[in-house]
Amino acid sequence: MSIRIRAQEQDGMINVRTLLSHPMHTGDQTDDAGETIPEHFIQTVEAKRNGETMVTAYWNVTISQNPFLELEFEGSSGDTVEISWEDNQGDTDSESVSVR
């Protein structure tokens, strides 16, 4: 699992805290043999509440390895929050949680 999510409701707002495990290679790094590591980074992150897209973020190589993302939007306890990403190599992942 490359996505960890915590979602809590307070006063009609859902606070979402997300940790995405991803190398986020810039294309400027080298491995132990001195070979350039190709770009490999998350391009798109999407947050949904009960299937409705709340936020879409477009990223590039400037985002750090294993990025942390915090969002806040309207919602209720019991709602479902889903976070998904797609990277520049076509890899994807998604995870969902019930709001506490």
PDB file of N, CA and C in Angstrom:
ATOM      1  N   MET A   1       0.854  -1.183   0.000  1.00  0.00           N
ATOM      2  CA  MET A   1       0.000   0.000   0.000  1.00  0.00           C
ATOM      3  C   MET A   1       0.895   1.239   0.000  1.00  0.00           C
ATOM      4  N   SER A   2       0.694   2.126  -0.950  1.00  0.00           N
ATOM      5  CA  SER A   2       1.538   3.313  -1.056  1.00  0.00           C
ATOM      6  C   SER A   2       0.842   4.568  -0.541  1.00  0.00           C
ATOM      7  N   ILE A   3      -0.398   4.433  -0.046  1.00  0.00           N
ATOM      8  CA  ILE A   3      -1.155   5.593   0.426  1.00  0.00           C
ATOM      9  C   ILE A   3      -1.661   5.325   1.839  1.00  0.00           C
ATOM     10  N   ARG A   4      -1.383   6.251   2.731  1.00  0.00           N
ATOM     11  CA  ARG A   4      -1.946   6.185   4.084  1.00  0.00           C
ATOM     12  C   ARG A   4      -2.797   7.434   4.283  1.00  0.00           C
ATOM     13  N   ILE A   5      -4.029   7.247   4.759  1.00  0.00           N
ATOM     14  CA  ILE A   5      -4.986   8.355   4.884  1.00  0.00           C
ATOM     15  C   ILE A   5      -5.556   8.384   6.294  1.00  0.00           C
ATOM     16  N   ARG A   6      -5.689   9.598   6.821  1.00  0.00           N
ATOM     17  CA  ARG A   6      -6.463   9.842   8.032  1.00  0.00           C
ATOM     18  C   ARG A   6      -7.462  10.942   7.685  1.00  0.00           C
ATOM     19  N   ALA A   7      -8.723  10.697   7.992  1.00  0.00           N
ATOM     20  CA  ALA A   7      -9.771  11.676   7.677  1.00  0.00           C
ATOM     21  C   ALA A   7     -10.670  11.823   8.894  1.00  0.00           C
ATOM     22  N   GLN A   8     -10.745  13.060   9.405  1.00  0.00           N
ATOM     23  CA  GLN A   8     -11.564  13.338  10.581  1.00  0.00           C
ATOM     24  C   GLN A   8     -12.453  14.538  10.321  1.00  0.00           C
ATOM     25  N   GLU A   9     -13.685  14.437  10.802  1.00  0.00           N
ATOM     26  CA  GLU A   9     -14.659  15.525  10.651  1.00  0.00           C
ATOM     27  C   GLU A   9     -14.715  16.337  11.934  1.00  0.00           C
ATOM     28  N   GLN A  10     -14.789  17.659  11.761  1.00  0.00           N
ATOM     29  CA  GLN A  10     -15.011  18.562  12.884  1.00  0.00           C
ATOM     30  C   GLN A  10     -15.752  19.785  12.364  1.00  0.00           C
ATOM     31  N   ASP A  11     -16.892  20.051  12.960  1.00  0.00           N
ATOM     32  CA  ASP A  11     -17.698  21.228  12.603  1.00  0.00           C
ATOM     33  C   ASP A  11     -18.046  21.286  11.116  1.00  0.00           C
ATOM     34  N   GLY A  12     -18.383  20.126  10.532  1.00  0.00           N
ATOM     35  CA  GLY A  12     -18.811  20.095   9.140  1.00  0.00           C
ATOM     36  C   GLY A  12     -17.690  20.123   8.124  1.00  0.00           C
ATOM     37  N   MET A  13     -16.443  20.053   8.593  1.00  0.00           N
ATOM     38  CA  MET A  13     -15.287  20.043   7.696  1.00  0.00           C
ATOM     39  C   MET A  13     -14.508  18.750   7.910  1.00  0.00           C
ATOM     40  N   ILE A  14     -14.051  18.161   6.816  1.00  0.00           N
ATOM     41  CA  ILE A  14     -13.222  16.965   6.873  1.00  0.00           C
ATOM     42  C   ILE A  14     -11.764  17.380   6.686  1.00  0.00           C
ATOM     43  N   ASN A  15     -10.926  17.004   7.646  1.00  0.00           N
ATOM     44  CA  ASN A  15      -9.493  17.219   7.529  1.00  0.00           C
ATOM     45  C   ASN A  15      -8.884  15.904   7.071  1.00  0.00           C
ATOM     46  N   VAL A  16      -8.210  15.934   5.920  1.00  0.00           N
ATOM     47  CA  VAL A  16      -7.608  14.746   5.329  1.00  0.00           C
ATOM     48  C   VAL A  16      -6.100  14.910   5.364  1.00  0.00           C
ATOM     49  N   ARG A  17      -5.425  13.929   5.958  1.00  0.00           N
ATOM     50  CA  ARG A  17      -3.966  13.920   6.004  1.00  0.00           C
ATOM     51  C   ARG A  17      -3.507  12.646   5.303  1.00  0.00           C
ATOM     52  N   THR A  18      -2.646  12.811   4.319  1.00  0.00           N
ATOM     53  CA  THR A  18      -2.258  11.705   3.451  1.00  0.00           C
ATOM     54  C   THR A  18      -0.745  11.639   3.290  1.00  0.00           C
ATOM     55  N   LEU A  19      -0.212  10.427   3.392  1.00  0.00           N
ATOM     56  CA  LEU A  19       1.198  10.182   3.103  1.00  0.00           C
ATOM     57  C   LEU A  19       1.266   9.242   1.904  1.00  0.00           C
ATOM     58  N   LEU A  20       1.952   9.685   0.856  1.00  0.00           N
ATOM     59  CA  LEU A  20       2.079   8.908  -0.376  1.00  0.00           C
ATOM     60  C   LEU A  20       3.507   8.378  -0.464  1.00  0.00           C
ATOM     61  N   SER A  21       3.675   7.075  -0.503  1.00  0.00           N
ATOM     62  CA  SER A  21       5.007   6.481  -0.632  1.00  0.00           C
ATOM     63  C   SER A  21       5.362   6.383  -2.110  1.00  0.00           C
ATOM     64  N   HIS A  22       6.363   7.165  -2.516  1.00  0.00           N
ATOM     65  CA  HIS A  22       6.778   7.191  -3.920  1.00  0.00           C
ATOM     66  C   HIS A  22       8.185   7.792  -3.990  1.00  0.00           C
ATOM     67  N   PRO A  23       9.064   7.259  -4.858  1.00  0.00           N
ATOM     68  CA  PRO A  23      10.438   7.765  -4.907  1.00  0.00           C
ATOM     69  C   PRO A  23      10.567   9.196  -5.431  1.00  0.00           C
ATOM     70  N   MET A  24       9.663   9.622  -6.296  1.00  0.00           N
ATOM     71  CA  MET A  24       9.672  10.987  -6.841  1.00  0.00           C
ATOM     72  C   MET A  24      11.046  11.374  -7.394  1.00  0.00           C
ATOM     73  N   HIS A  25      11.598  10.532  -8.285  1.00  0.00           N
ATOM     74  CA  HIS A  25      12.904  10.796  -8.891  1.00  0.00           C
ATOM     75  C   HIS A  25      12.815  11.949  -9.882  1.00  0.00           C
ATOM     76  N   THR A  26      13.778  12.856  -9.804  1.00  0.00           N
ATOM     77  CA  THR A  26      13.778  14.053 -10.636  1.00  0.00           C
ATOM     78  C   THR A  26      14.430  13.869 -11.998  1.00  0.00           C
ATOM     79  N   GLY A  27      15.216  12.803 -12.142  1.00  0.00           N
ATOM     80  CA  GLY A  27      15.993  12.620 -13.363  1.00  0.00           C
ATOM     81  C   GLY A  27      17.390  13.184 -13.230  1.00  0.00           C
ATOM     82  N   ASP A  28      17.679  13.828 -12.095  1.00  0.00           N
ATOM     83  CA  ASP A  28      19.006  14.393 -11.838  1.00  0.00           C
ATOM     84  C   ASP A  28      19.833  13.521 -10.897  1.00  0.00           C
ATOM     85  N   GLN A  29      19.202  12.541 -10.244  1.00  0.00           N
ATOM     86  CA  GLN A  29      19.925  11.696  -9.302  1.00  0.00           C
ATOM     87  C   GLN A  29      20.671  10.580 -10.034  1.00  0.00           C
ATOM     88  N   THR A  30      21.691  10.029  -9.360  1.00  0.00           N
ATOM     89  CA  THR A  30      22.421   8.884  -9.886  1.00  0.00           C
ATOM     90  C   THR A  30      22.375   7.748  -8.874  1.00  0.00           C
ATOM     91  N   ASP A  31      22.495   6.534  -9.392  1.00  0.00           N
ATOM     92  CA  ASP A  31      22.529   5.366  -8.502  1.00  0.00           C
ATOM     93  C   ASP A  31      23.965   5.120  -8.037  1.00  0.00           C
ATOM     94  N   ASP A  32      24.183   4.033  -7.311  1.00  0.00           N
ATOM     95  CA  ASP A  32      25.513   3.718  -6.773  1.00  0.00           C
ATOM     96  C   ASP A  32      26.562   3.509  -7.862  1.00  0.00           C
ATOM     97  N   ALA A  33      26.129   3.105  -9.051  1.00  0.00           N
ATOM     98  CA  ALA A  33      27.055   2.885 -10.162  1.00  0.00           C
ATOM     99  C   ALA A  33      27.305   4.164 -10.961  1.00  0.00           C
ATOM    100  N   GLY A  34      26.674   5.275 -10.560  1.00  0.00           N
ATOM    101  CA  GLY A  34      26.848   6.534 -11.265  1.00  0.00           C
ATOM    102  C   GLY A  34      25.917   6.728 -12.442  1.00  0.00           C
ATOM    103  N   GLU A  35      24.987   5.790 -12.648  1.00  0.00           N
ATOM    104  CA  GLU A  35      24.025   5.887 -13.738  1.00  0.00           C
ATOM    105  C   GLU A  35      22.871   6.812 -13.337  1.00  0.00           C
ATOM    106  N   THR A  36      22.403   7.599 -14.278  1.00  0.00           N
ATOM    107  CA  THR A  36      21.284   8.501 -14.017  1.00  0.00           C
ATOM    108  C   THR A  36      19.998   7.703 -13.806  1.00  0.00           C
ATOM    109  N   ILE A  37      19.284   8.045 -12.751  1.00  0.00           N
ATOM    110  CA  ILE A  37      17.991   7.427 -12.473  1.00  0.00           C
ATOM    111  C   ILE A  37      16.944   8.221 -13.251  1.00  0.00           C
ATOM    112  N   PRO A  38      16.167   7.557 -14.113  1.00  0.00           N
ATOM    113  CA  PRO A  38      15.178   8.283 -14.922  1.00  0.00           C
ATOM    114  C   PRO A  38      14.096   8.947 -14.064  1.00  0.00           C
ATOM    115  N   GLU A  39      13.485   9.984 -14.628  1.00  0.00           N
ATOM    116  CA  GLU A  39      12.361  10.639 -13.937  1.00  0.00           C
ATOM    117  C   GLU A  39      11.285   9.613 -13.597  1.00  0.00           C
ATOM    118  N   HIS A  40      10.780   9.691 -12.382  1.00  0.00           N
ATOM    119  CA  HIS A  40       9.682   8.827 -11.936  1.00  0.00           C
ATOM    120  C   HIS A  40       8.981   9.582 -10.821  1.00  0.00           C
ATOM    121  N   PHE A  41       7.860  10.217 -11.155  1.00  0.00           N
ATOM    122  CA  PHE A  41       7.195  11.092 -10.200  1.00  0.00           C
ATOM    123  C   PHE A  41       5.679  11.046 -10.379  1.00  0.00           C
ATOM    124  N   ILE A  42       4.978  11.370  -9.316  1.00  0.00           N
ATOM    125  CA  ILE A  42       3.514  11.446  -9.365  1.00  0.00           C
ATOM    126  C   ILE A  42       3.134  12.682 -10.164  1.00  0.00           C
ATOM    127  N   GLN A  43       2.244  12.495 -11.130  1.00  0.00           N
ATOM    128  CA  GLN A  43       1.775  13.614 -11.948  1.00  0.00           C
ATOM    129  C   GLN A  43       0.438  14.155 -11.477  1.00  0.00           C
ATOM    130  N   THR A  44      -0.452  13.262 -11.058  1.00  0.00           N
ATOM    131  CA  THR A  44      -1.807  13.674 -10.698  1.00  0.00           C
ATOM    132  C   THR A  44      -2.220  13.012  -9.393  1.00  0.00           C
ATOM    133  N   VAL A  45      -2.767  13.818  -8.493  1.00  0.00           N
ATOM    134  CA  VAL A  45      -3.358  13.315  -7.256  1.00  0.00           C
ATOM    135  C   VAL A  45      -4.806  13.785  -7.235  1.00  0.00           C
ATOM    136  N   GLU A  46      -5.712  12.877  -6.889  1.00  0.00           N
ATOM    137  CA  GLU A  46      -7.129  13.231  -6.848  1.00  0.00           C
ATOM    138  C   GLU A  46      -7.720  12.822  -5.500  1.00  0.00           C
ATOM    139  N   ALA A  47      -8.501  13.722  -4.921  1.00  0.00           N
ATOM    140  CA  ALA A  47      -9.214  13.438  -3.672  1.00  0.00           C
ATOM    141  C   ALA A  47     -10.710  13.488  -3.956  1.00  0.00           C
ATOM    142  N   LYS A  48     -11.403  12.413  -3.534  1.00  0.00           N
ATOM    143  CA  LYS A  48     -12.852  12.343  -3.732  1.00  0.00           C
ATOM    144  C   LYS A  48     -13.545  12.154  -2.398  1.00  0.00           C
ATOM    145  N   ARG A  49     -14.736  12.726  -2.282  1.00  0.00           N
ATOM    146  CA  ARG A  49     -15.616  12.484  -1.135  1.00  0.00           C
ATOM    147  C   ARG A  49     -16.893  11.859  -1.673  1.00  0.00           C
ATOM    148  N   ASN A  50     -17.184  10.652  -1.226  1.00  0.00           N
ATOM    149  CA  ASN A  50     -18.375   9.915  -1.688  1.00  0.00           C
ATOM    150  C   ASN A  50     -18.460   9.874  -3.214  1.00  0.00           C
ATOM    151  N   GLY A  51     -17.306   9.694  -3.876  1.00  0.00           N
ATOM    152  CA  GLY A  51     -17.263   9.576  -5.329  1.00  0.00           C
ATOM    153  C   GLY A  51     -17.178  10.886  -6.085  1.00  0.00           C
ATOM    154  N   GLU A  52     -17.335  12.008  -5.397  1.00  0.00           N
ATOM    155  CA  GLU A  52     -17.274  13.326  -6.043  1.00  0.00           C
ATOM    156  C   GLU A  52     -15.870  13.901  -5.898  1.00  0.00           C
ATOM    157  N   THR A  53     -15.275  14.310  -7.014  1.00  0.00           N
ATOM    158  CA  THR A  53     -13.938  14.891  -6.979  1.00  0.00           C
ATOM    159  C   THR A  53     -13.970  16.224  -6.242  1.00  0.00           C
ATOM    160  N   MET A  54     -13.152  16.310  -5.206  1.00  0.00           N
ATOM    161  CA  MET A  54     -13.057  17.532  -4.411  1.00  0.00           C
ATOM    162  C   MET A  54     -11.806  18.337  -4.785  1.00  0.00           C
ATOM    163  N   VAL A  55     -10.706  17.633  -5.080  1.00  0.00           N
ATOM    164  CA  VAL A  55      -9.433  18.287  -5.408  1.00  0.00           C
ATOM    165  C   VAL A  55      -8.696  17.441  -6.431  1.00  0.00           C
ATOM    166  N   THR A  56      -8.125  18.101  -7.435  1.00  0.00           N
ATOM    167  CA  THR A  56      -7.194  17.465  -8.351  1.00  0.00           C
ATOM    168  C   THR A  56      -5.925  18.308  -8.346  1.00  0.00           C
ATOM    169  N   ALA A  57      -4.795  17.663  -8.046  1.00  0.00           N
ATOM    170  CA  ALA A  57      -3.503  18.358  -8.011  1.00  0.00           C
ATOM    171  C   ALA A  57      -2.617  17.812  -9.116  1.00  0.00           C
ATOM    172  N   TYR A  58      -1.912  18.703  -9.797  1.00  0.00           N
ATOM    173  CA  TYR A  58      -0.992  18.325 -10.863  1.00  0.00           C
ATOM    174  C   TYR A  58       0.423  18.606 -10.373  1.00  0.00           C
ATOM    175  N   TRP A  59       1.214  17.554 -10.239  1.00  0.00           N
ATOM    176  CA  TRP A  59       2.555  17.658  -9.676  1.00  0.00           C
ATOM    177  C   TRP A  59       3.608  17.430 -10.746  1.00  0.00           C
ATOM    178  N   ASN A  60       4.870  17.705 -10.369  1.00  0.00           N
ATOM    179  CA  ASN A  60       6.012  17.445 -11.241  1.00  0.00           C
ATOM    180  C   ASN A  60       7.205  17.036 -10.380  1.00  0.00           C
ATOM    181  N   VAL A  61       8.394  17.118 -10.916  1.00  0.00           N
ATOM    182  CA  VAL A  61       9.587  16.639 -10.215  1.00  0.00           C
ATOM    183  C   VAL A  61       9.977  17.487  -9.004  1.00  0.00           C
ATOM    184  N   THR A  62       9.336  18.616  -8.787  1.00  0.00           N
ATOM    185  CA  THR A  62       9.699  19.487  -7.663  1.00  0.00           C
ATOM    186  C   THR A  62       9.132  19.012  -6.326  1.00  0.00           C
ATOM    187  N   ILE A  63       8.285  17.993  -6.320  1.00  0.00           N
ATOM    188  CA  ILE A  63       7.693  17.462  -5.091  1.00  0.00           C
ATOM    189  C   ILE A  63       8.647  16.437  -4.485  1.00  0.00           C
ATOM    190  N   SER A  64       8.796  16.472  -3.167  1.00  0.00           N
ATOM    191  CA  SER A  64       9.756  15.604  -2.483  1.00  0.00           C
ATOM    192  C   SER A  64       9.335  14.136  -2.459  1.00  0.00           C
ATOM    193  N   GLN A  65      10.290  13.289  -2.160  1.00  0.00           N
ATOM    194  CA  GLN A  65      10.050  11.854  -2.001  1.00  0.00           C
ATOM    195  C   GLN A  65       9.046  11.635  -0.873  1.00  0.00           C
ATOM    196  N   ASN A  66       8.160  10.651  -1.040  1.00  0.00           N
ATOM    197  CA  ASN A  66       7.134  10.306  -0.049  1.00  0.00           C
ATOM    198  C   ASN A  66       6.359  11.546   0.425  1.00  0.00           C
ATOM    199  N   PRO A  67       5.684  12.211  -0.503  1.00  0.00           N
ATOM    200  CA  PRO A  67       5.036  13.481  -0.158  1.00  0.00           C
ATOM    201  C   PRO A  67       3.873  13.329   0.829  1.00  0.00           C
ATOM    202  N   PHE A  68       3.714  14.368   1.648  1.00  0.00           N
ATOM    203  CA  PHE A  68       2.608  14.501   2.595  1.00  0.00           C
ATOM    204  C   PHE A  68       1.656  15.542   2.031  1.00  0.00           C
ATOM    205  N   LEU A  69       0.360  15.238   2.073  1.00  0.00           N
ATOM    206  CA  LEU A  69      -0.653  16.148   1.544  1.00  0.00           C
ATOM    207  C   LEU A  69      -1.742  16.298   2.590  1.00  0.00           C
ATOM    208  N   GLU A  70      -2.105  17.534   2.897  1.00  0.00           N
ATOM    209  CA  GLU A  70      -3.204  17.793   3.833  1.00  0.00           C
ATOM    210  C   GLU A  70      -4.243  18.648   3.126  1.00  0.00           C
ATOM    211  N   LEU A  71      -5.513  18.219   3.230  1.00  0.00           N
ATOM    212  CA  LEU A  71      -6.630  18.902   2.578  1.00  0.00           C
ATOM    213  C   LEU A  71      -7.750  19.102   3.580  1.00  0.00           C
ATOM    214  N   GLU A  72      -8.621  20.044   3.286  1.00  0.00           N
ATOM    215  CA  GLU A  72      -9.811  20.233   4.102  1.00  0.00           C
ATOM    216  C   GLU A  72     -10.962  20.632   3.188  1.00  0.00           C
ATOM    217  N   PHE A  73     -12.086  19.945   3.360  1.00  0.00           N
ATOM    218  CA  PHE A  73     -13.280  20.274   2.586  1.00  0.00           C
ATOM    219  C   PHE A  73     -14.509  19.867   3.378  1.00  0.00           C
ATOM    220  N   GLU A  74     -15.677  20.351   2.942  1.00  0.00           N
ATOM    221  CA  GLU A  74     -16.925  20.075   3.650  1.00  0.00           C
ATOM    222  C   GLU A  74     -17.259  18.591   3.606  1.00  0.00           C
ATOM    223  N   GLY A  75     -17.873  18.111   4.693  1.00  0.00           N
ATOM    224  CA  GLY A  75     -18.285  16.719   4.737  1.00  0.00           C
ATOM    225  C   GLY A  75     -18.742  16.328   6.126  1.00  0.00           C
ATOM    226  N   SER A  76     -19.063  15.044   6.272  1.00  0.00           N
ATOM    227  CA  SER A  76     -19.611  14.531   7.520  1.00  0.00           C
ATOM    228  C   SER A  76     -18.904  13.261   7.939  1.00  0.00           C
ATOM    229  N   SER A  77     -19.003  12.967   9.220  1.00  0.00           N
ATOM    230  CA  SER A  77     -18.526  11.687   9.731  1.00  0.00           C
ATOM    231  C   SER A  77     -19.284  10.584   9.008  1.00  0.00           C
ATOM    232  N   GLY A  78     -18.575   9.523   8.613  1.00  0.00           N
ATOM    233  CA  GLY A  78     -19.199   8.433   7.867  1.00  0.00           C
ATOM    234  C   GLY A  78     -19.034   8.553   6.362  1.00  0.00           C
ATOM    235  N   ASP A  79     -18.689   9.749   5.860  1.00  0.00           N
ATOM    236  CA  ASP A  79     -18.405   9.902   4.429  1.00  0.00           C
ATOM    237  C   ASP A  79     -17.198   9.038   4.068  1.00  0.00           C
ATOM    238  N   THR A  80     -17.053   8.748   2.787  1.00  0.00           N
ATOM    239  CA  THR A  80     -15.887   8.019   2.296  1.00  0.00           C
ATOM    240  C   THR A  80     -14.973   8.983   1.556  1.00  0.00           C
ATOM    241  N   VAL A  81     -13.698   8.960   1.908  1.00  0.00           N
ATOM    242  CA  VAL A  81     -12.688   9.772   1.224  1.00  0.00           C
ATOM    243  C   VAL A  81     -11.751   8.826   0.492  1.00  0.00           C
ATOM    244  N   GLU A  82     -11.536   9.105  -0.799  1.00  0.00           N
ATOM    245  CA  GLU A  82     -10.620   8.306  -1.615  1.00  0.00           C
ATOM    246  C   GLU A  82      -9.518   9.205  -2.153  1.00  0.00           C
ATOM    247  N   ILE A  83      -8.289   8.741  -2.033  1.00  0.00           N
ATOM    248  CA  ILE A  83      -7.130   9.428  -2.593  1.00  0.00           C
ATOM    249  C   ILE A  83      -6.539   8.503  -3.651  1.00  0.00           C
ATOM    250  N   SER A  84      -6.242   9.056  -4.827  1.00  0.00           N
ATOM    251  CA  SER A  84      -5.621   8.262  -5.882  1.00  0.00           C
ATOM    252  C   SER A  84      -4.527   9.084  -6.554  1.00  0.00           C
ATOM    253  N   TRP A  85      -3.562   8.383  -7.128  1.00  0.00           N
ATOM    254  CA  TRP A  85      -2.507   9.058  -7.874  1.00  0.00           C
ATOM    255  C   TRP A  85      -2.152   8.282  -9.132  1.00  0.00           C
ATOM    256  N   GLU A  86      -1.547   8.993 -10.088  1.00  0.00           N
ATOM    257  CA  GLU A  86      -0.979   8.398 -11.295  1.00  0.00           C
ATOM    258  C   GLU A  86       0.372   9.043 -11.533  1.00  0.00           C
ATOM    259  N   ASP A  87       1.377   8.226 -11.864  1.00  0.00           N
ATOM    260  CA  ASP A  87       2.695   8.811 -12.098  1.00  0.00           C
ATOM    261  C   ASP A  87       3.036   8.848 -13.588  1.00  0.00           C
ATOM    262  N   ASN A  88       4.197   9.402 -13.906  1.00  0.00           N
ATOM    263  CA  ASN A  88       4.596   9.605 -15.298  1.00  0.00           C
ATOM    264  C   ASN A  88       4.953   8.303 -16.014  1.00  0.00           C
ATOM    265  N   GLN A  89       5.005   7.178 -15.299  1.00  0.00           N
ATOM    266  CA  GLN A  89       5.260   5.884 -15.925  1.00  0.00           C
ATOM    267  C   GLN A  89       3.992   5.052 -16.051  1.00  0.00           C
ATOM    268  N   GLY A  90       2.855   5.653 -15.721  1.00  0.00           N
ATOM    269  CA  GLY A  90       1.571   4.973 -15.856  1.00  0.00           C
ATOM    270  C   GLY A  90       1.148   4.167 -14.646  1.00  0.00           C
ATOM    271  N   ASP A  91       1.970   4.152 -13.595  1.00  0.00           N
ATOM    272  CA  ASP A  91       1.590   3.455 -12.367  1.00  0.00           C
ATOM    273  C   ASP A  91       0.504   4.246 -11.650  1.00  0.00           C
ATOM    274  N   THR A  92      -0.389   3.543 -10.966  1.00  0.00           N
ATOM    275  CA  THR A  92      -1.476   4.179 -10.232  1.00  0.00           C
ATOM    276  C   THR A  92      -1.679   3.481  -8.889  1.00  0.00           C
ATOM    277  N   ASP A  93      -2.329   4.168  -7.986  1.00  0.00           N
ATOM    278  CA  ASP A  93      -2.760   3.566  -6.730  1.00  0.00           C
ATOM    279  C   ASP A  93      -3.913   4.399  -6.190  1.00  0.00           C
ATOM    280  N   SER A  94      -4.727   3.764  -5.359  1.00  0.00           N
ATOM    281  CA  SER A  94      -5.809   4.483  -4.689  1.00  0.00           C
ATOM    282  C   SER A  94      -6.104   3.788  -3.380  1.00  0.00           C
ATOM    283  N   GLU A  95      -6.642   4.555  -2.455  1.00  0.00           N
ATOM    284  CA  GLU A  95      -7.012   4.051  -1.141  1.00  0.00           C
ATOM    285  C   GLU A  95      -8.191   4.874  -0.653  1.00  0.00           C
ATOM    286  N   SER A  96      -9.079   4.249   0.112  1.00  0.00           N
ATOM    287  CA  SER A  96     -10.207   5.001   0.652  1.00  0.00           C
ATOM    288  C   SER A  96     -10.376   4.663   2.127  1.00  0.00           C
ATOM    289  N   VAL A  97     -10.954   5.614   2.859  1.00  0.00           N
ATOM    290  CA  VAL A  97     -11.244   5.444   4.280  1.00  0.00           C
ATOM    291  C   VAL A  97     -12.594   6.072   4.588  1.00  0.00           C
ATOM    292  N   SER A  98     -13.154   5.636   5.683  1.00  0.00           N
ATOM    293  CA  SER A  98     -14.387   6.235   6.192  1.00  0.00           C
ATOM    294  C   SER A  98     -13.988   7.364   7.150  1.00  0.00           C
ATOM    295  N   VAL A  99     -14.659   8.481   7.045  1.00  0.00           N
ATOM    296  CA  VAL A  99     -14.337   9.649   7.872  1.00  0.00           C
ATOM    297  C   VAL A  99     -14.801   9.375   9.312  1.00  0.00           C
ATOM    298  N   ARG A 100     -13.932   9.662  10.266  1.00  0.00           N
ATOM    299  CA  ARG A 100     -14.276   9.495  11.676  1.00  0.00           C
ATOM    300  C   ARG A 100     -14.774  10.792  12.253  1.00  0.00           C
TER     301      ARG A 100
END
